[in-house]
Amino acid sequence: MSLPISAVTQVVLPAPAATPSRPAERGGFGELLEKAIGRVEGTRQAADAGIERLLSGEGEEVHGAILAAQKAELSFELFLQVRNKVVQAYQEIMRMQM
């Protein structure tokens, strides 16, 4: 079994600092990120369930389980690349002189 996506992002992305002057925004970047994590986690869980059904002999077809696993792997890799670009952009902004 693999780690859930949320465990990876907690290690890599620090918790945002609370700003008392700004109220919580609805539909912002945090919500978008949370939805993306949920979708990637959902594909991983579906792949795990398909593999378990295949191994237990519950009628799951081999190609279906393999496709689900590949989809989960590709969505995770895409998510990591997007996360890397966001972190890189953040670091570049922080290096800018004011």
PDB file of N, CA and C in Angstrom:
ATOM      1  N   MET A   1       0.833  -1.176   0.000  1.00  0.00           N
ATOM      2  CA  MET A   1       0.000   0.000   0.000  1.00  0.00           C
ATOM      3  C   MET A   1       0.882   1.245   0.000  1.00  0.00           C
ATOM      4  N   SER A   2       0.418   2.293  -0.628  1.00  0.00           N
ATOM      5  CA  SER A   2       1.174   3.529  -0.703  1.00  0.00           C
ATOM      6  C   SER A   2       0.598   4.560   0.263  1.00  0.00           C
ATOM      7  N   LEU A   3       1.354   5.608   0.475  1.00  0.00           N
ATOM      8  CA  LEU A   3       0.920   6.685   1.358  1.00  0.00           C
ATOM      9  C   LEU A   3      -0.164   7.506   0.691  1.00  0.00           C
ATOM     10  N   PRO A   4      -1.094   8.045   1.467  1.00  0.00           N
ATOM     11  CA  PRO A   4      -2.068   8.949   0.872  1.00  0.00           C
ATOM     12  C   PRO A   4      -1.401  10.248   0.436  1.00  0.00           C
ATOM     13  N   ILE A   5      -1.986  10.888  -0.551  1.00  0.00           N
ATOM     14  CA  ILE A   5      -1.435  12.115  -1.108  1.00  0.00           C
ATOM     15  C   ILE A   5      -1.323  13.190  -0.033  1.00  0.00           C
ATOM     16  N   SER A   6      -2.290  13.259   0.854  1.00  0.00           N
ATOM     17  CA  SER A   6      -2.269  14.301   1.872  1.00  0.00           C
ATOM     18  C   SER A   6      -1.034  14.195   2.758  1.00  0.00           C
ATOM     19  N   ALA A   7      -0.523  12.993   2.981  1.00  0.00           N
ATOM     20  CA  ALA A   7       0.680  12.832   3.791  1.00  0.00           C
ATOM     21  C   ALA A   7       1.893  13.427   3.086  1.00  0.00           C
ATOM     22  N   VAL A   8       1.946  13.313   1.776  1.00  0.00           N
ATOM     23  CA  VAL A   8       3.066  13.857   1.016  1.00  0.00           C
ATOM     24  C   VAL A   8       3.033  15.375   1.037  1.00  0.00           C
ATOM     25  N   THR A   9       1.854  15.971   0.847  1.00  0.00           N
ATOM     26  CA  THR A   9       1.774  17.425   0.795  1.00  0.00           C
ATOM     27  C   THR A   9       2.012  18.054   2.150  1.00  0.00           C
ATOM     28  N   GLN A  10       1.690  17.360   3.232  1.00  0.00           N
ATOM     29  CA  GLN A  10       1.942  17.912   4.559  1.00  0.00           C
ATOM     30  C   GLN A  10       3.428  18.040   4.814  1.00  0.00           C
ATOM     31  N   VAL A  11       4.207  17.140   4.268  1.00  0.00           N
ATOM     32  CA  VAL A  11       5.649  17.192   4.449  1.00  0.00           C
ATOM     33  C   VAL A  11       6.262  18.291   3.588  1.00  0.00           C
ATOM     34  N   VAL A  12       5.766  18.444   2.368  1.00  0.00           N
ATOM     35  CA  VAL A  12       6.388  19.336   1.403  1.00  0.00           C
ATOM     36  C   VAL A  12       5.857  20.764   1.498  1.00  0.00           C
ATOM     37  N   LEU A  13       4.560  20.916   1.630  1.00  0.00           N
ATOM     38  CA  LEU A  13       3.973  22.248   1.655  1.00  0.00           C
ATOM     39  C   LEU A  13       3.727  22.677   3.093  1.00  0.00           C
ATOM     40  N   PRO A  14       4.333  23.768   3.532  1.00  0.00           N
ATOM     41  CA  PRO A  14       4.097  24.217   4.898  1.00  0.00           C
ATOM     42  C   PRO A  14       2.685  24.758   5.055  1.00  0.00           C
ATOM     43  N   ALA A  15       2.190  24.735   6.268  1.00  0.00           N
ATOM     44  CA  ALA A  15       0.860  25.272   6.538  1.00  0.00           C
ATOM     45  C   ALA A  15       0.899  26.783   6.332  1.00  0.00           C
ATOM     46  N   PRO A  16      -0.127  27.342   5.682  1.00  0.00           N
ATOM     47  CA  PRO A  16      -0.132  28.782   5.448  1.00  0.00           C
ATOM     48  C   PRO A  16      -0.295  29.542   6.761  1.00  0.00           C
ATOM     49  N   ALA A  17       0.384  30.675   6.836  1.00  0.00           N
ATOM     50  CA  ALA A  17       0.273  31.507   8.022  1.00  0.00           C
ATOM     51  C   ALA A  17      -1.060  32.236   8.007  1.00  0.00           C
ATOM     52  N   ALA A  18      -1.692  32.313   9.145  1.00  0.00           N
ATOM     53  CA  ALA A  18      -2.980  32.990   9.240  1.00  0.00           C
ATOM     54  C   ALA A  18      -2.767  34.496   9.180  1.00  0.00           C
ATOM     55  N   THR A  19      -3.572  35.167   8.380  1.00  0.00           N
ATOM     56  CA  THR A  19      -3.505  36.621   8.300  1.00  0.00           C
ATOM     57  C   THR A  19      -4.797  37.162   8.883  1.00  0.00           C
ATOM     58  N   PRO A  20      -4.727  37.837  10.020  1.00  0.00           N
ATOM     59  CA  PRO A  20      -5.947  38.303  10.664  1.00  0.00           C
ATOM     60  C   PRO A  20      -6.674  39.388   9.895  1.00  0.00           C
ATOM     61  N   SER A  21      -5.985  40.118   9.018  1.00  0.00           N
ATOM     62  CA  SER A  21      -6.622  41.209   8.298  1.00  0.00           C
ATOM     63  C   SER A  21      -7.489  40.733   7.136  1.00  0.00           C
ATOM     64  N   ARG A  22      -7.281  39.487   6.672  1.00  0.00           N
ATOM     65  CA  ARG A  22      -8.052  38.976   5.529  1.00  0.00           C
ATOM     66  C   ARG A  22      -8.941  37.835   5.973  1.00  0.00           C
ATOM     67  N   PRO A  23     -10.232  37.899   5.664  1.00  0.00           N
ATOM     68  CA  PRO A  23     -11.106  36.771   5.995  1.00  0.00           C
ATOM     69  C   PRO A  23     -10.821  35.602   5.065  1.00  0.00           C
ATOM     70  N   ALA A  24     -11.261  34.419   5.464  1.00  0.00           N
ATOM     71  CA  ALA A  24     -11.056  33.228   4.637  1.00  0.00           C
ATOM     72  C   ALA A  24     -11.786  33.396   3.311  1.00  0.00           C
ATOM     73  N   GLU A  25     -11.087  33.124   2.232  1.00  0.00           N
ATOM     74  CA  GLU A  25     -11.670  33.263   0.898  1.00  0.00           C
ATOM     75  C   GLU A  25     -12.267  31.940   0.452  1.00  0.00           C
ATOM     76  N   ARG A  26     -13.409  32.000  -0.161  1.00  0.00           N
ATOM     77  CA  ARG A  26     -14.061  30.813  -0.709  1.00  0.00           C
ATOM     78  C   ARG A  26     -13.606  30.631  -2.154  1.00  0.00           C
ATOM     79  N   GLY A  27     -13.349  29.395  -2.529  1.00  0.00           N
ATOM     80  CA  GLY A  27     -12.988  29.104  -3.910  1.00  0.00           C
ATOM     81  C   GLY A  27     -11.585  29.546  -4.269  1.00  0.00           C
ATOM     82  N   GLY A  28     -10.715  29.684  -3.299  1.00  0.00           N
ATOM     83  CA  GLY A  28      -9.355  30.144  -3.555  1.00  0.00           C
ATOM     84  C   GLY A  28      -8.431  29.003  -3.916  1.00  0.00           C
ATOM     85  N   PHE A  29      -7.163  29.318  -3.884  1.00  0.00           N
ATOM     86  CA  PHE A  29      -6.143  28.348  -4.258  1.00  0.00           C
ATOM     87  C   PHE A  29      -6.147  27.133  -3.339  1.00  0.00           C
ATOM     88  N   GLY A  30      -6.355  27.354  -2.046  1.00  0.00           N
ATOM     89  CA  GLY A  30      -6.369  26.248  -1.090  1.00  0.00           C
ATOM     90  C   GLY A  30      -7.465  25.243  -1.399  1.00  0.00           C
ATOM     91  N   GLU A  31      -8.632  25.743  -1.743  1.00  0.00           N
ATOM     92  CA  GLU A  31      -9.745  24.845  -2.075  1.00  0.00           C
ATOM     93  C   GLU A  31      -9.455  24.084  -3.366  1.00  0.00           C
ATOM     94  N   LEU A  32      -8.877  24.766  -4.325  1.00  0.00           N
ATOM     95  CA  LEU A  32      -8.503  24.118  -5.579  1.00  0.00           C
ATOM     96  C   LEU A  32      -7.492  23.009  -5.337  1.00  0.00           C
ATOM     97  N   LEU A  33      -6.505  23.292  -4.502  1.00  0.00           N
ATOM     98  CA  LEU A  33      -5.487  22.301  -4.162  1.00  0.00           C
ATOM     99  C   LEU A  33      -6.104  21.114  -3.422  1.00  0.00           C
ATOM    100  N   GLU A  34      -7.018  21.406  -2.514  1.00  0.00           N
ATOM    101  CA  GLU A  34      -7.682  20.343  -1.766  1.00  0.00           C
ATOM    102  C   GLU A  34      -8.491  19.426  -2.687  1.00  0.00           C
ATOM    103  N   LYS A  35      -9.182  19.997  -3.650  1.00  0.00           N
ATOM    104  CA  LYS A  35      -9.952  19.193  -4.610  1.00  0.00           C
ATOM    105  C   LYS A  35      -9.023  18.334  -5.462  1.00  0.00           C
ATOM    106  N   ALA A  36      -7.898  18.898  -5.887  1.00  0.00           N
ATOM    107  CA  ALA A  36      -6.945  18.140  -6.701  1.00  0.00           C
ATOM    108  C   ALA A  36      -6.380  16.970  -5.910  1.00  0.00           C
ATOM    109  N   ILE A  37      -6.053  17.202  -4.660  1.00  0.00           N
ATOM    110  CA  ILE A  37      -5.552  16.126  -3.804  1.00  0.00           C
ATOM    111  C   ILE A  37      -6.607  15.039  -3.662  1.00  0.00           C
ATOM    112  N   GLY A  38      -7.849  15.448  -3.487  1.00  0.00           N
ATOM    113  CA  GLY A  38      -8.945  14.486  -3.364  1.00  0.00           C
ATOM    114  C   GLY A  38      -9.119  13.632  -4.611  1.00  0.00           C
ATOM    115  N   ARG A  39      -8.999  14.255  -5.787  1.00  0.00           N
ATOM    116  CA  ARG A  39      -9.134  13.487  -7.034  1.00  0.00           C
ATOM    117  C   ARG A  39      -7.988  12.497  -7.208  1.00  0.00           C
ATOM    118  N   VAL A  40      -6.784  12.923  -6.907  1.00  0.00           N
ATOM    119  CA  VAL A  40      -5.629  12.027  -7.038  1.00  0.00           C
ATOM    120  C   VAL A  40      -5.750  10.884  -6.032  1.00  0.00           C
ATOM    121  N   GLU A  41      -6.157  11.207  -4.819  1.00  0.00           N
ATOM    122  CA  GLU A  41      -6.340  10.182  -3.793  1.00  0.00           C
ATOM    123  C   GLU A  41      -7.448   9.206  -4.193  1.00  0.00           C
ATOM    124  N   GLY A  42      -8.498   9.717  -4.818  1.00  0.00           N
ATOM    125  CA  GLY A  42      -9.587   8.864  -5.278  1.00  0.00           C
ATOM    126  C   GLY A  42      -9.143   7.876  -6.347  1.00  0.00           C
ATOM    127  N   THR A  43      -8.302   8.327  -7.273  1.00  0.00           N
ATOM    128  CA  THR A  43      -7.810   7.408  -8.305  1.00  0.00           C
ATOM    129  C   THR A  43      -6.913   6.336  -7.696  1.00  0.00           C
ATOM    130  N   ARG A  44      -6.135   6.710  -6.673  1.00  0.00           N
ATOM    131  CA  ARG A  44      -5.278   5.725  -6.002  1.00  0.00           C
ATOM    132  C   ARG A  44      -6.113   4.695  -5.260  1.00  0.00           C
ATOM    133  N   GLN A  45      -7.154   5.148  -4.582  1.00  0.00           N
ATOM    134  CA  GLN A  45      -8.016   4.221  -3.853  1.00  0.00           C
ATOM    135  C   GLN A  45      -8.763   3.286  -4.804  1.00  0.00           C
ATOM    136  N   ALA A  46      -9.198   3.822  -5.947  1.00  0.00           N
ATOM    137  CA  ALA A  46      -9.877   2.986  -6.941  1.00  0.00           C
ATOM    138  C   ALA A  46      -8.927   1.932  -7.493  1.00  0.00           C
ATOM    139  N   ALA A  47      -7.683   2.318  -7.739  1.00  0.00           N
ATOM    140  CA  ALA A  47      -6.690   1.363  -8.245  1.00  0.00           C
ATOM    141  C   ALA A  47      -6.412   0.287  -7.204  1.00  0.00           C
ATOM    142  N   ASP A  48      -6.271   0.687  -5.941  1.00  0.00           N
ATOM    143  CA  ASP A  48      -6.038  -0.295  -4.871  1.00  0.00           C
ATOM    144  C   ASP A  48      -7.205  -1.272  -4.759  1.00  0.00           C
ATOM    145  N   ALA A  49      -8.418  -0.748  -4.849  1.00  0.00           N
ATOM    146  CA  ALA A  49      -9.602  -1.613  -4.756  1.00  0.00           C
ATOM    147  C   ALA A  49      -9.660  -2.583  -5.937  1.00  0.00           C
ATOM    148  N   GLY A  50      -9.333  -2.090  -7.143  1.00  0.00           N
ATOM    149  CA  GLY A  50      -9.331  -2.961  -8.319  1.00  0.00           C
ATOM    150  C   GLY A  50      -8.298  -4.069  -8.208  1.00  0.00           C
ATOM    151  N   ILE A  51      -7.135  -3.744  -7.697  1.00  0.00           N
ATOM    152  CA  ILE A  51      -6.083  -4.752  -7.527  1.00  0.00           C
ATOM    153  C   ILE A  51      -6.495  -5.773  -6.477  1.00  0.00           C
ATOM    154  N   GLU A  52      -7.104  -5.304  -5.392  1.00  0.00           N
ATOM    155  CA  GLU A  52      -7.561  -6.243  -4.362  1.00  0.00           C
ATOM    156  C   GLU A  52      -8.637  -7.180  -4.894  1.00  0.00           C
ATOM    157  N   ARG A  53      -9.567  -6.630  -5.710  1.00  0.00           N
ATOM    158  CA  ARG A  53     -10.601  -7.483  -6.311  1.00  0.00           C
ATOM    159  C   ARG A  53      -9.984  -8.504  -7.260  1.00  0.00           C
ATOM    160  N   LEU A  54      -8.974  -8.089  -8.016  1.00  0.00           N
ATOM    161  CA  LEU A  54      -8.297  -8.996  -8.939  1.00  0.00           C
ATOM    162  C   LEU A  54      -7.619 -10.128  -8.171  1.00  0.00           C
ATOM    163  N   LEU A  55      -6.891  -9.765  -7.109  1.00  0.00           N
ATOM    164  CA  LEU A  55      -6.158 -10.768  -6.345  1.00  0.00           C
ATOM    165  C   LEU A  55      -7.067 -11.702  -5.563  1.00  0.00           C
ATOM    166  N   SER A  56      -8.238 -11.225  -5.176  1.00  0.00           N
ATOM    167  CA  SER A  56      -9.155 -12.078  -4.420  1.00  0.00           C
ATOM    168  C   SER A  56     -10.037 -12.914  -5.349  1.00  0.00           C
ATOM    169  N   GLY A  57      -9.973 -12.662  -6.656  1.00  0.00           N
ATOM    170  CA  GLY A  57     -10.733 -13.456  -7.613  1.00  0.00           C
ATOM    171  C   GLY A  57     -12.178 -13.049  -7.727  1.00  0.00           C
ATOM    172  N   GLU A  58     -12.492 -11.802  -7.456  1.00  0.00           N
ATOM    173  CA  GLU A  58     -13.874 -11.328  -7.492  1.00  0.00           C
ATOM    174  C   GLU A  58     -14.324 -10.900  -8.890  1.00  0.00           C
ATOM    175  N   GLY A  59     -13.629 -11.301  -9.916  1.00  0.00           N
ATOM    176  CA  GLY A  59     -14.074 -11.023 -11.281  1.00  0.00           C
ATOM    177  C   GLY A  59     -13.485  -9.781 -11.907  1.00  0.00           C
ATOM    178  N   GLU A  60     -12.586  -9.102 -11.259  1.00  0.00           N
ATOM    179  CA  GLU A  60     -11.929  -7.939 -11.862  1.00  0.00           C
ATOM    180  C   GLU A  60     -11.026  -8.415 -12.993  1.00  0.00           C
ATOM    181  N   GLU A  61     -11.102  -7.735 -14.131  1.00  0.00           N
ATOM    182  CA  GLU A  61     -10.260  -8.106 -15.258  1.00  0.00           C
ATOM    183  C   GLU A  61      -8.860  -7.520 -15.077  1.00  0.00           C
ATOM    184  N   VAL A  62      -7.880  -8.237 -15.586  1.00  0.00           N
ATOM    185  CA  VAL A  62      -6.488  -7.834 -15.418  1.00  0.00           C
ATOM    186  C   VAL A  62      -6.233  -6.473 -16.060  1.00  0.00           C
ATOM    187  N   HIS A  63      -6.715  -6.286 -17.278  1.00  0.00           N
ATOM    188  CA  HIS A  63      -6.432  -5.020 -17.957  1.00  0.00           C
ATOM    189  C   HIS A  63      -7.108  -3.839 -17.257  1.00  0.00           C
ATOM    190  N   GLY A  64      -8.263  -4.059 -16.645  1.00  0.00           N
ATOM    191  CA  GLY A  64      -8.926  -2.988 -15.904  1.00  0.00           C
ATOM    192  C   GLY A  64      -8.127  -2.564 -14.683  1.00  0.00           C
ATOM    193  N   ALA A  65      -7.584  -3.547 -13.977  1.00  0.00           N
ATOM    194  CA  ALA A  65      -6.780  -3.250 -12.793  1.00  0.00           C
ATOM    195  C   ALA A  65      -5.481  -2.543 -13.189  1.00  0.00           C
ATOM    196  N   ILE A  66      -4.874  -2.979 -14.272  1.00  0.00           N
ATOM    197  CA  ILE A  66      -3.626  -2.351 -14.726  1.00  0.00           C
ATOM    198  C   ILE A  66      -3.877  -0.928 -15.192  1.00  0.00           C
ATOM    199  N   LEU A  67      -4.965  -0.711 -15.920  1.00  0.00           N
ATOM    200  CA  LEU A  67      -5.289   0.645 -16.374  1.00  0.00           C
ATOM    201  C   LEU A  67      -5.569   1.569 -15.190  1.00  0.00           C
ATOM    202  N   ALA A  68      -6.276   1.075 -14.187  1.00  0.00           N
ATOM    203  CA  ALA A  68      -6.552   1.890 -13.007  1.00  0.00           C
ATOM    204  C   ALA A  68      -5.261   2.236 -12.273  1.00  0.00           C
ATOM    205  N   ALA A  69      -4.347   1.285 -12.171  1.00  0.00           N
ATOM    206  CA  ALA A  69      -3.071   1.540 -11.502  1.00  0.00           C
ATOM    207  C   ALA A  69      -2.247   2.560 -12.294  1.00  0.00           C
ATOM    208  N   GLN A  70      -2.220   2.442 -13.613  1.00  0.00           N
ATOM    209  CA  GLN A  70      -1.491   3.396 -14.441  1.00  0.00           C
ATOM    210  C   GLN A  70      -2.102   4.799 -14.342  1.00  0.00           C
ATOM    211  N   LYS A  71      -3.432   4.862 -14.334  1.00  0.00           N
ATOM    212  CA  LYS A  71      -4.101   6.151 -14.204  1.00  0.00           C
ATOM    213  C   LYS A  71      -3.739   6.801 -12.874  1.00  0.00           C
ATOM    214  N   ALA A  72      -3.726   6.018 -11.801  1.00  0.00           N
ATOM    215  CA  ALA A  72      -3.368   6.546 -10.483  1.00  0.00           C
ATOM    216  C   ALA A  72      -1.923   7.019 -10.470  1.00  0.00           C
ATOM    217  N   GLU A  73      -1.041   6.256 -11.073  1.00  0.00           N
ATOM    218  CA  GLU A  73       0.371   6.638 -11.104  1.00  0.00           C
ATOM    219  C   GLU A  73       0.586   7.922 -11.903  1.00  0.00           C
ATOM    220  N   LEU A  74      -0.058   8.019 -13.069  1.00  0.00           N
ATOM    221  CA  LEU A  74       0.093   9.211 -13.896  1.00  0.00           C
ATOM    222  C   LEU A  74      -0.508  10.449 -13.231  1.00  0.00           C
ATOM    223  N   SER A  75      -1.658  10.292 -12.584  1.00  0.00           N
ATOM    224  CA  SER A  75      -2.251  11.448 -11.917  1.00  0.00           C
ATOM    225  C   SER A  75      -1.379  11.901 -10.752  1.00  0.00           C
ATOM    226  N   PHE A  76      -0.754  10.965 -10.040  1.00  0.00           N
ATOM    227  CA  PHE A  76       0.146  11.334  -8.946  1.00  0.00           C
ATOM    228  C   PHE A  76       1.381  12.051  -9.481  1.00  0.00           C
ATOM    229  N   GLU A  77       1.957  11.536 -10.566  1.00  0.00           N
ATOM    230  CA  GLU A  77       3.137  12.173 -11.153  1.00  0.00           C
ATOM    231  C   GLU A  77       2.815  13.580 -11.665  1.00  0.00           C
ATOM    232  N   LEU A  78       1.644  13.747 -12.283  1.00  0.00           N
ATOM    233  CA  LEU A  78       1.227  15.064 -12.754  1.00  0.00           C
ATOM    234  C   LEU A  78       1.054  16.008 -11.570  1.00  0.00           C
ATOM    235  N   PHE A  79       0.420  15.530 -10.512  1.00  0.00           N
ATOM    236  CA  PHE A  79       0.230  16.350  -9.324  1.00  0.00           C
ATOM    237  C   PHE A  79       1.578  16.777  -8.741  1.00  0.00           C
ATOM    238  N   LEU A  80       2.531  15.862  -8.680  1.00  0.00           N
ATOM    239  CA  LEU A  80       3.850  16.208  -8.148  1.00  0.00           C
ATOM    240  C   LEU A  80       4.545  17.257  -9.009  1.00  0.00           C
ATOM    241  N   GLN A  81       4.421  17.144 -10.320  1.00  0.00           N
ATOM    242  CA  GLN A  81       5.043  18.126 -11.206  1.00  0.00           C
ATOM    243  C   GLN A  81       4.419  19.506 -11.031  1.00  0.00           C
ATOM    244  N   VAL A  82       3.098  19.549 -10.897  1.00  0.00           N
ATOM    245  CA  VAL A  82       2.422  20.824 -10.674  1.00  0.00           C
ATOM    246  C   VAL A  82       2.848  21.404  -9.328  1.00  0.00           C
ATOM    247  N   ARG A  83       2.910  20.556  -8.301  1.00  0.00           N
ATOM    248  CA  ARG A  83       3.351  21.005  -6.985  1.00  0.00           C
ATOM    249  C   ARG A  83       4.775  21.555  -7.046  1.00  0.00           C
ATOM    250  N   ASN A  84       5.656  20.867  -7.769  1.00  0.00           N
ATOM    251  CA  ASN A  84       7.035  21.328  -7.905  1.00  0.00           C
ATOM    252  C   ASN A  84       7.095  22.702  -8.569  1.00  0.00           C
ATOM    253  N   LYS A  85       6.272  22.910  -9.588  1.00  0.00           N
ATOM    254  CA  LYS A  85       6.250  24.214 -10.271  1.00  0.00           C
ATOM    255  C   LYS A  85       5.723  25.308  -9.349  1.00  0.00           C
ATOM    256  N   VAL A  86       4.724  25.003  -8.546  1.00  0.00           N
ATOM    257  CA  VAL A  86       4.181  25.988  -7.614  1.00  0.00           C
ATOM    258  C   VAL A  86       5.225  26.342  -6.562  1.00  0.00           C
ATOM    259  N   VAL A  87       5.892  25.345  -6.012  1.00  0.00           N
ATOM    260  CA  VAL A  87       6.936  25.594  -5.016  1.00  0.00           C
ATOM    261  C   VAL A  87       8.071  26.393  -5.641  1.00  0.00           C
ATOM    262  N   GLN A  88       8.449  26.056  -6.854  1.00  0.00           N
ATOM    263  CA  GLN A  88       9.517  26.778  -7.547  1.00  0.00           C
ATOM    264  C   GLN A  88       9.117  28.238  -7.772  1.00  0.00           C
ATOM    265  N   ALA A  89       7.873  28.482  -8.167  1.00  0.00           N
ATOM    266  CA  ALA A  89       7.409  29.855  -8.370  1.00  0.00           C
ATOM    267  C   ALA A  89       7.401  30.617  -7.044  1.00  0.00           C
ATOM    268  N   TYR A  90       6.967  29.968  -5.985  1.00  0.00           N
ATOM    269  CA  TYR A  90       6.959  30.596  -4.668  1.00  0.00           C
ATOM    270  C   TYR A  90       8.375  30.973  -4.247  1.00  0.00           C
ATOM    271  N   GLN A  91       9.310  30.057  -4.440  1.00  0.00           N
ATOM    272  CA  GLN A  91      10.694  30.338  -4.069  1.00  0.00           C
ATOM    273  C   GLN A  91      11.274  31.480  -4.902  1.00  0.00           C
ATOM    274  N   GLU A  92      10.919  31.540  -6.172  1.00  0.00           N
ATOM    275  CA  GLU A  92      11.392  32.616  -7.033  1.00  0.00           C
ATOM    276  C   GLU A  92      10.834  33.956  -6.574  1.00  0.00           C
ATOM    277  N   ILE A  93       9.575  33.980  -6.179  1.00  0.00           N
ATOM    278  CA  ILE A  93       8.967  35.215  -5.685  1.00  0.00           C
ATOM    279  C   ILE A  93       9.644  35.647  -4.388  1.00  0.00           C
ATOM    280  N   MET A  94       9.957  34.706  -3.534  1.00  0.00           N
ATOM    281  CA  MET A  94      10.593  35.036  -2.261  1.00  0.00           C
ATOM    282  C   MET A  94      12.020  35.552  -2.454  1.00  0.00           C
ATOM    283  N   ARG A  95      12.661  35.188  -3.548  1.00  0.00           N
ATOM    284  CA  ARG A  95      14.028  35.669  -3.830  1.00  0.00           C
ATOM    285  C   ARG A  95      14.044  37.080  -4.406  1.00  0.00           C
ATOM    286  N   MET A  96      12.904  37.550  -4.875  1.00  0.00           N
ATOM    287  CA  MET A  96      12.840  38.892  -5.471  1.00  0.00           C
ATOM    288  C   MET A  96      13.147  39.954  -4.416  1.00  0.00           C
ATOM    289  N   GLN A  97      13.883  40.938  -4.818  1.00  0.00           N
ATOM    290  CA  GLN A  97      14.193  42.048  -3.907  1.00  0.00           C
ATOM    291  C   GLN A  97      13.090  43.080  -3.996  1.00  0.00           C
ATOM    292  N   MET A  98      12.756  43.614  -2.861  1.00  0.00           N
ATOM    293  CA  MET A  98      11.681  44.618  -2.840  1.00  0.00           C
ATOM    294  C   MET A  98      12.241  45.990  -2.773  1.00  0.00           C
TER     295      MET A  98
END
